[in-house]
Amino acid sequence: MNNSTPYKIKYEVYPEGDLFIARCLDIDVASDGATDAEALANLREAIELYFERNAEAMLRTREEDDEASDS
Protein backbone atom coordinates (compact mmCIF):
# COMPACT_ATOMS: atom_id res chain seq x y z
CA MET A 1 0.00 0.00 0.00
CA ASN A 2 1.36 3.38 -0.99
CA ASN A 3 0.72 6.04 1.64
CA SER A 4 2.25 8.89 -0.32
CA THR A 5 0.00 11.71 -1.41
CA PRO A 6 1.20 13.98 -4.19
CA TYR A 7 1.28 17.66 -3.34
CA LYS A 8 2.07 20.57 -5.58
CA ILE A 9 4.77 22.76 -4.16
CA LYS A 10 6.04 26.11 -5.33
CA TYR A 11 9.75 26.31 -6.01
CA GLU A 12 12.33 28.29 -7.89
CA VAL A 13 15.57 27.22 -9.53
CA TYR A 14 18.27 29.76 -10.30
CA PRO A 15 21.99 29.77 -11.11
CA GLU A 16 24.45 30.84 -8.45
CA GLY A 17 28.10 30.65 -9.37
CA ASP A 18 28.85 27.20 -10.81
CA LEU A 19 25.73 25.62 -9.29
CA PHE A 20 21.98 25.77 -9.59
CA ILE A 21 19.94 26.41 -6.45
CA ALA A 22 16.47 24.92 -6.03
CA ARG A 23 14.44 26.50 -3.25
CA CYS A 24 11.01 25.52 -1.99
CA LEU A 25 8.77 28.55 -1.51
CA ASP A 26 6.32 26.73 0.77
CA ILE A 27 8.73 25.45 3.42
CA ASP A 28 12.28 26.42 4.35
CA VAL A 29 14.10 23.77 2.29
CA ALA A 30 16.67 24.24 -0.47
CA SER A 31 19.27 22.21 -2.33
CA ASP A 32 21.73 22.57 -5.17
CA GLY A 33 23.11 20.69 -8.13
CA ALA A 34 25.39 20.95 -11.13
CA THR A 35 22.34 21.34 -13.42
CA ASP A 36 18.86 22.71 -12.88
CA ALA A 37 17.43 19.18 -13.17
CA GLU A 38 19.88 17.85 -10.58
CA ALA A 39 19.10 20.72 -8.22
CA LEU A 40 15.37 20.00 -8.54
CA ALA A 41 15.88 16.26 -7.96
CA ASN A 42 17.96 17.07 -4.88
CA LEU A 43 15.22 19.43 -3.67
CA ARG A 44 12.62 16.68 -3.98
CA GLU A 45 14.79 14.39 -1.86
CA ALA A 46 15.40 17.15 0.70
CA ILE A 47 11.65 17.79 1.00
CA GLU A 48 10.97 14.08 1.53
CA LEU A 49 13.60 14.00 4.29
CA TYR A 50 12.15 17.16 5.84
CA PHE A 51 8.72 15.57 6.16
CA GLU A 52 10.10 12.23 7.35
CA ARG A 53 12.03 13.94 10.13
CA ASN A 54 9.25 16.32 11.11
CA ALA A 55 6.26 13.97 10.80
CA GLU A 56 6.78 12.39 14.22
CA ALA A 57 7.07 15.77 15.92
CA MET A 58 4.00 17.09 14.08
CA LEU A 59 1.96 14.03 15.04
CA ARG A 60 3.15 14.21 18.65
CA THR A 61 2.12 17.88 18.85
CA ARG A 62 -1.31 17.06 17.42
CA GLU A 63 -1.81 14.25 19.95
CA GLU A 64 -0.81 16.60 22.79
CA ASP A 65 -3.26 19.24 21.52
CA ASP A 66 -6.05 16.64 21.37
CA GLU A 67 -5.31 15.47 24.93
CA ALA A 68 -5.30 19.05 26.23
CA SER A 69 -8.67 19.81 24.64
CA ASP A 70 -10.15 16.65 26.20
CA SER A 71 -9.26 17.92 29.70
PDB file of N, CA and C in Angstrom:
ATOM      1  N   MET A   1       0.834  -1.181   0.000  1.00  0.00           N
ATOM      2  CA  MET A   1       0.000   0.000   0.000  1.00  0.00           C
ATOM      3  C   MET A   1       0.879   1.244   0.000  1.00  0.00           C
ATOM      4  N   ASN A   2       0.592   2.154  -0.874  1.00  0.00           N
ATOM      5  CA  ASN A   2       1.364   3.382  -0.994  1.00  0.00           C
ATOM      6  C   ASN A   2       0.660   4.488  -0.217  1.00  0.00           C
ATOM      7  N   ASN A   3       1.311   4.998   0.810  1.00  0.00           N
ATOM      8  CA  ASN A   3       0.719   6.040   1.636  1.00  0.00           C
ATOM      9  C   ASN A   3       1.101   7.442   1.191  1.00  0.00           C
ATOM     10  N   SER A   4       1.825   7.565   0.107  1.00  0.00           N
ATOM     11  CA  SER A   4       2.249   8.892  -0.317  1.00  0.00           C
ATOM     12  C   SER A   4       1.109   9.602  -1.037  1.00  0.00           C
ATOM     13  N   THR A   5       0.999  10.873  -0.771  1.00  0.00           N
ATOM     14  CA  THR A   5       0.004  11.711  -1.410  1.00  0.00           C
ATOM     15  C   THR A   5       0.749  12.796  -2.156  1.00  0.00           C
ATOM     16  N   PRO A   6       0.484  12.942  -3.447  1.00  0.00           N
ATOM     17  CA  PRO A   6       1.200  13.976  -4.194  1.00  0.00           C
ATOM     18  C   PRO A   6       0.691  15.371  -3.817  1.00  0.00           C
ATOM     19  N   TYR A   7       1.608  16.270  -3.620  1.00  0.00           N
ATOM     20  CA  TYR A   7       1.278  17.656  -3.341  1.00  0.00           C
ATOM     21  C   TYR A   7       2.013  18.523  -4.340  1.00  0.00           C
ATOM     22  N   LYS A   8       1.393  19.610  -4.723  1.00  0.00           N
ATOM     23  CA  LYS A   8       2.073  20.572  -5.578  1.00  0.00           C
ATOM     24  C   LYS A   8       2.758  21.581  -4.677  1.00  0.00           C
ATOM     25  N   ILE A   9       4.027  21.780  -4.931  1.00  0.00           N
ATOM     26  CA  ILE A   9       4.775  22.761  -4.158  1.00  0.00           C
ATOM     27  C   ILE A   9       5.293  23.838  -5.100  1.00  0.00           C
ATOM     28  N   LYS A  10       5.472  25.010  -4.555  1.00  0.00           N
ATOM     29  CA  LYS A  10       6.042  26.109  -5.329  1.00  0.00           C
ATOM     30  C   LYS A  10       7.544  26.113  -5.083  1.00  0.00           C
ATOM     31  N   TYR A  11       8.291  26.289  -6.147  1.00  0.00           N
ATOM     32  CA  TYR A  11       9.745  26.307  -6.015  1.00  0.00           C
ATOM     33  C   TYR A  11      10.335  27.211  -7.077  1.00  0.00           C
ATOM     34  N   GLU A  12      11.584  27.541  -6.883  1.00  0.00           N
ATOM     35  CA  GLU A  12      12.327  28.287  -7.894  1.00  0.00           C
ATOM     36  C   GLU A  12      13.698  27.653  -8.041  1.00  0.00           C
ATOM     37  N   VAL A  13      14.226  27.717  -9.246  1.00  0.00           N
ATOM     38  CA  VAL A  13      15.575  27.223  -9.535  1.00  0.00           C
ATOM     39  C   VAL A  13      16.318  28.361 -10.225  1.00  0.00           C
ATOM     40  N   TYR A  14      17.511  28.656  -9.720  1.00  0.00           N
ATOM     41  CA  TYR A  14      18.272  29.755 -10.305  1.00  0.00           C
ATOM     42  C   TYR A  14      19.771  29.453 -10.218  1.00  0.00           C
ATOM     43  N   PRO A  15      20.546  29.994 -11.157  1.00  0.00           N
ATOM     44  CA  PRO A  15      21.992  29.772 -11.114  1.00  0.00           C
ATOM     45  C   PRO A  15      22.641  30.651 -10.045  1.00  0.00           C
ATOM     46  N   GLU A  16      23.642  30.077  -9.409  1.00  0.00           N
ATOM     47  CA  GLU A  16      24.445  30.836  -8.447  1.00  0.00           C
ATOM     48  C   GLU A  16      25.872  30.310  -8.542  1.00  0.00           C
ATOM     49  N   GLY A  17      26.735  31.102  -9.137  1.00  0.00           N
ATOM     50  CA  GLY A  17      28.104  30.645  -9.373  1.00  0.00           C
ATOM     51  C   GLY A  17      28.099  29.473 -10.337  1.00  0.00           C
ATOM     52  N   ASP A  18      28.772  28.391  -9.959  1.00  0.00           N
ATOM     53  CA  ASP A  18      28.855  27.202 -10.809  1.00  0.00           C
ATOM     54  C   ASP A  18      27.722  26.214 -10.557  1.00  0.00           C
ATOM     55  N   LEU A  19      26.802  26.545  -9.670  1.00  0.00           N
ATOM     56  CA  LEU A  19      25.727  25.623  -9.294  1.00  0.00           C
ATOM     57  C   LEU A  19      24.360  26.197  -9.632  1.00  0.00           C
ATOM     58  N   PHE A  20      23.365  25.347  -9.533  1.00  0.00           N
ATOM     59  CA  PHE A  20      21.976  25.772  -9.591  1.00  0.00           C
ATOM     60  C   PHE A  20      21.383  25.547  -8.207  1.00  0.00           C
ATOM     61  N   ILE A  21      20.604  26.495  -7.748  1.00  0.00           N
ATOM     62  CA  ILE A  21      19.944  26.412  -6.450  1.00  0.00           C
ATOM     63  C   ILE A  21      18.458  26.163  -6.699  1.00  0.00           C
ATOM     64  N   ALA A  22      17.910  25.187  -5.998  1.00  0.00           N
ATOM     65  CA  ALA A  22      16.470  24.923  -6.032  1.00  0.00           C
ATOM     66  C   ALA A  22      15.946  25.204  -4.634  1.00  0.00           C
ATOM     67  N   ARG A  23      14.950  26.077  -4.548  1.00  0.00           N
ATOM     68  CA  ARG A  23      14.435  26.501  -3.245  1.00  0.00           C
ATOM     69  C   ARG A  23      12.927  26.345  -3.218  1.00  0.00           C
ATOM     70  N   CYS A  24      12.438  25.676  -2.189  1.00  0.00           N
ATOM     71  CA  CYS A  24      11.008  25.519  -1.993  1.00  0.00           C
ATOM     72  C   CYS A  24      10.461  26.823  -1.426  1.00  0.00           C
ATOM     73  N   LEU A  25       9.363  27.304  -1.983  1.00  0.00           N
ATOM     74  CA  LEU A  25       8.774  28.548  -1.513  1.00  0.00           C
ATOM     75  C   LEU A  25       7.729  28.313  -0.426  1.00  0.00           C
ATOM     76  N   ASP A  26       7.350  27.061  -0.213  1.00  0.00           N
ATOM     77  CA  ASP A  26       6.317  26.732   0.768  1.00  0.00           C
ATOM     78  C   ASP A  26       6.886  26.400   2.143  1.00  0.00           C
ATOM     79  N   ILE A  27       8.056  25.785   2.171  1.00  0.00           N
ATOM     80  CA  ILE A  27       8.731  25.453   3.424  1.00  0.00           C
ATOM     81  C   ILE A  27      10.193  25.840   3.274  1.00  0.00           C
ATOM     82  N   ASP A  28      10.891  25.953   4.368  1.00  0.00           N
ATOM     83  CA  ASP A  28      12.280  26.417   4.345  1.00  0.00           C
ATOM     84  C   ASP A  28      13.228  25.264   4.031  1.00  0.00           C
ATOM     85  N   VAL A  29      13.238  24.856   2.752  1.00  0.00           N
ATOM     86  CA  VAL A  29      14.100  23.771   2.286  1.00  0.00           C
ATOM     87  C   VAL A  29      14.701  24.190   0.953  1.00  0.00           C
ATOM     88  N   ALA A  30      15.984  23.931   0.785  1.00  0.00           N
ATOM     89  CA  ALA A  30      16.669  24.242  -0.468  1.00  0.00           C
ATOM     90  C   ALA A  30      17.739  23.194  -0.720  1.00  0.00           C
ATOM     91  N   SER A  31      18.189  23.123  -1.968  1.00  0.00           N
ATOM     92  CA  SER A  31      19.266  22.213  -2.332  1.00  0.00           C
ATOM     93  C   SER A  31      19.968  22.782  -3.554  1.00  0.00           C
ATOM     94  N   ASP A  32      21.013  22.105  -3.993  1.00  0.00           N
ATOM     95  CA  ASP A  32      21.727  22.572  -5.173  1.00  0.00           C
ATOM     96  C   ASP A  32      22.119  21.397  -6.043  1.00  0.00           C
ATOM     97  N   GLY A  33      22.648  21.709  -7.213  1.00  0.00           N
ATOM     98  CA  GLY A  33      23.110  20.686  -8.131  1.00  0.00           C
ATOM     99  C   GLY A  33      23.901  21.312  -9.260  1.00  0.00           C
ATOM    100  N   ALA A  34      24.573  20.473 -10.012  1.00  0.00           N
ATOM    101  CA  ALA A  34      25.387  20.949 -11.127  1.00  0.00           C
ATOM    102  C   ALA A  34      24.526  21.434 -12.291  1.00  0.00           C
ATOM    103  N   THR A  35      23.297  20.920 -12.385  1.00  0.00           N
ATOM    104  CA  THR A  35      22.345  21.341 -13.417  1.00  0.00           C
ATOM    105  C   THR A  35      21.035  21.710 -12.735  1.00  0.00           C
ATOM    106  N   ASP A  36      20.146  22.374 -13.474  1.00  0.00           N
ATOM    107  CA  ASP A  36      18.856  22.710 -12.877  1.00  0.00           C
ATOM    108  C   ASP A  36      18.051  21.452 -12.563  1.00  0.00           C
ATOM    109  N   ALA A  37      18.145  20.441 -13.415  1.00  0.00           N
ATOM    110  CA  ALA A  37      17.430  19.182 -13.174  1.00  0.00           C
ATOM    111  C   ALA A  37      17.973  18.473 -11.933  1.00  0.00           C
ATOM    112  N   GLU A  38      19.280  18.480 -11.762  1.00  0.00           N
ATOM    113  CA  GLU A  38      19.881  17.849 -10.584  1.00  0.00           C
ATOM    114  C   GLU A  38      19.496  18.603  -9.312  1.00  0.00           C
ATOM    115  N   ALA A  39      19.490  19.918  -9.380  1.00  0.00           N
ATOM    116  CA  ALA A  39      19.095  20.715  -8.216  1.00  0.00           C
ATOM    117  C   ALA A  39      17.649  20.425  -7.831  1.00  0.00           C
ATOM    118  N   LEU A  40      16.774  20.291  -8.815  1.00  0.00           N
ATOM    119  CA  LEU A  40      15.373  19.996  -8.543  1.00  0.00           C
ATOM    120  C   LEU A  40      15.208  18.593  -7.963  1.00  0.00           C
ATOM    121  N   ALA A  41      15.931  17.623  -8.500  1.00  0.00           N
ATOM    122  CA  ALA A  41      15.883  16.257  -7.960  1.00  0.00           C
ATOM    123  C   ALA A  41      16.383  16.243  -6.513  1.00  0.00           C
ATOM    124  N   ASN A  42      17.435  16.990  -6.244  1.00  0.00           N
ATOM    125  CA  ASN A  42      17.959  17.074  -4.878  1.00  0.00           C
ATOM    126  C   ASN A  42      16.964  17.768  -3.949  1.00  0.00           C
ATOM    127  N   LEU A  43      16.245  18.756  -4.469  1.00  0.00           N
ATOM    128  CA  LEU A  43      15.225  19.434  -3.671  1.00  0.00           C
ATOM    129  C   LEU A  43      14.100  18.468  -3.311  1.00  0.00           C
ATOM    130  N   ARG A  44      13.669  17.669  -4.266  1.00  0.00           N
ATOM    131  CA  ARG A  44      12.619  16.676  -3.977  1.00  0.00           C
ATOM    132  C   ARG A  44      13.050  15.751  -2.837  1.00  0.00           C
ATOM    133  N   GLU A  45      14.276  15.277  -2.909  1.00  0.00           N
ATOM    134  CA  GLU A  45      14.789  14.394  -1.858  1.00  0.00           C
ATOM    135  C   GLU A  45      14.856  15.125  -0.513  1.00  0.00           C
ATOM    136  N   ALA A  46      15.300  16.367  -0.535  1.00  0.00           N
ATOM    137  CA  ALA A  46      15.398  17.146   0.704  1.00  0.00           C
ATOM    138  C   ALA A  46      14.019  17.375   1.321  1.00  0.00           C
ATOM    139  N   ILE A  47      13.014  17.595   0.491  1.00  0.00           N
ATOM    140  CA  ILE A  47      11.651  17.789   0.999  1.00  0.00           C
ATOM    141  C   ILE A  47      11.130  16.499   1.615  1.00  0.00           C
ATOM    142  N   GLU A  48      11.388  15.374   0.965  1.00  0.00           N
ATOM    143  CA  GLU A  48      10.969  14.085   1.530  1.00  0.00           C
ATOM    144  C   GLU A  48      11.610  13.867   2.899  1.00  0.00           C
ATOM    145  N   LEU A  49      12.899  14.148   3.008  1.00  0.00           N
ATOM    146  CA  LEU A  49      13.596  13.999   4.290  1.00  0.00           C
ATOM    147  C   LEU A  49      13.045  14.961   5.336  1.00  0.00           C
ATOM    148  N   TYR A  50      12.720  16.171   4.924  1.00  0.00           N
ATOM    149  CA  TYR A  50      12.150  17.156   5.836  1.00  0.00           C
ATOM    150  C   TYR A  50      10.872  16.615   6.462  1.00  0.00           C
ATOM    151  N   PHE A  51       9.989  16.068   5.630  1.00  0.00           N
ATOM    152  CA  PHE A  51       8.724  15.573   6.163  1.00  0.00           C
ATOM    153  C   PHE A  51       8.905  14.285   6.958  1.00  0.00           C
ATOM    154  N   GLU A  52       9.827  13.434   6.561  1.00  0.00           N
ATOM    155  CA  GLU A  52      10.101  12.227   7.348  1.00  0.00           C
ATOM    156  C   GLU A  52      10.568  12.601   8.750  1.00  0.00           C
ATOM    157  N   ARG A  53      11.464  13.547   8.840  1.00  0.00           N
ATOM    158  CA  ARG A  53      12.035  13.938  10.132  1.00  0.00           C
ATOM    159  C   ARG A  53      11.042  14.710  10.989  1.00  0.00           C
ATOM    160  N   ASN A  54      10.161  15.468  10.361  1.00  0.00           N
ATOM    161  CA  ASN A  54       9.247  16.317  11.111  1.00  0.00           C
ATOM    162  C   ASN A  54       7.884  15.688  11.349  1.00  0.00           C
ATOM    163  N   ALA A  55       7.580  14.594  10.666  1.00  0.00           N
ATOM    164  CA  ALA A  55       6.263  13.972  10.799  1.00  0.00           C
ATOM    165  C   ALA A  55       6.003  13.519  12.229  1.00  0.00           C
ATOM    166  N   GLU A  56       6.976  12.878  12.850  1.00  0.00           N
ATOM    167  CA  GLU A  56       6.784  12.388  14.218  1.00  0.00           C
ATOM    168  C   GLU A  56       6.519  13.547  15.173  1.00  0.00           C
ATOM    169  N   ALA A  57       7.270  14.615  15.045  1.00  0.00           N
ATOM    170  CA  ALA A  57       7.072  15.773  15.918  1.00  0.00           C
ATOM    171  C   ALA A  57       5.716  16.419  15.663  1.00  0.00           C
ATOM    172  N   MET A  58       5.301  16.503  14.396  1.00  0.00           N
ATOM    173  CA  MET A  58       4.004  17.090  14.083  1.00  0.00           C
ATOM    174  C   MET A  58       2.872  16.242  14.642  1.00  0.00           C
ATOM    175  N   LEU A  59       2.990  14.925  14.522  1.00  0.00           N
ATOM    176  CA  LEU A  59       1.962  14.035  15.044  1.00  0.00           C
ATOM    177  C   LEU A  59       1.920  14.108  16.566  1.00  0.00           C
ATOM    178  N   ARG A  60       3.078  14.140  17.190  1.00  0.00           N
ATOM    179  CA  ARG A  60       3.147  14.213  18.647  1.00  0.00           C
ATOM    180  C   ARG A  60       2.474  15.498  19.134  1.00  0.00           C
ATOM    181  N   THR A  61       2.727  16.606  18.478  1.00  0.00           N
ATOM    182  CA  THR A  61       2.116  17.877  18.847  1.00  0.00           C
ATOM    183  C   THR A  61       0.605  17.804  18.703  1.00  0.00           C
ATOM    184  N   ARG A  62       0.131  17.192  17.639  1.00  0.00           N
ATOM    185  CA  ARG A  62      -1.309  17.062  17.418  1.00  0.00           C
ATOM    186  C   ARG A  62      -1.938  16.216  18.526  1.00  0.00           C
ATOM    187  N   GLU A  63      -1.296  15.112  18.889  1.00  0.00           N
ATOM    188  CA  GLU A  63      -1.813  14.254  19.955  1.00  0.00           C
ATOM    189  C   GLU A  63      -1.858  15.012  21.277  1.00  0.00           C
ATOM    190  N   GLU A  64      -0.834  15.812  21.558  1.00  0.00           N
ATOM    191  CA  GLU A  64      -0.812  16.598  22.790  1.00  0.00           C
ATOM    192  C   GLU A  64      -1.930  17.634  22.788  1.00  0.00           C
ATOM    193  N   ASP A  65      -2.180  18.263  21.632  1.00  0.00           N
ATOM    194  CA  ASP A  65      -3.265  19.238  21.520  1.00  0.00           C
ATOM    195  C   ASP A  65      -4.617  18.575  21.760  1.00  0.00           C
ATOM    196  N   ASP A  66      -4.796  17.376  21.191  1.00  0.00           N
ATOM    197  CA  ASP A  66      -6.051  16.645  21.371  1.00  0.00           C
ATOM    198  C   ASP A  66      -6.266  16.279  22.834  1.00  0.00           C
ATOM    199  N   GLU A  67      -5.206  15.836  23.510  1.00  0.00           N
ATOM    200  CA  GLU A  67      -5.306  15.473  24.927  1.00  0.00           C
ATOM    201  C   GLU A  67      -5.637  16.695  25.778  1.00  0.00           C
ATOM    202  N   ALA A  68      -5.049  17.827  25.462  1.00  0.00           N
ATOM    203  CA  ALA A  68      -5.298  19.049  26.228  1.00  0.00           C
ATOM    204  C   ALA A  68      -6.739  19.522  26.059  1.00  0.00           C
ATOM    205  N   SER A  69      -7.291  19.369  24.868  1.00  0.00           N
ATOM    206  CA  SER A  69      -8.668  19.811  24.641  1.00  0.00           C
ATOM    207  C   SER A  69      -9.678  18.867  25.276  1.00  0.00           C
ATOM    208  N   ASP A  70      -9.274  17.616  25.539  1.00  0.00           N
ATOM    209  CA  ASP A  70     -10.153  16.651  26.201  1.00  0.00           C
ATOM    210  C   ASP A  70     -10.255  16.924  27.699  1.00  0.00           C
ATOM    211  N   SER A  71      -9.298  17.665  28.252  1.00  0.00           N
ATOM    212  CA  SER A  71      -9.265  17.921  29.703  1.00  0.00           C
ATOM    213  C   SER A  71     -10.271  18.956  30.125  1.00  0.00           C
TER     214      SER A  71
END
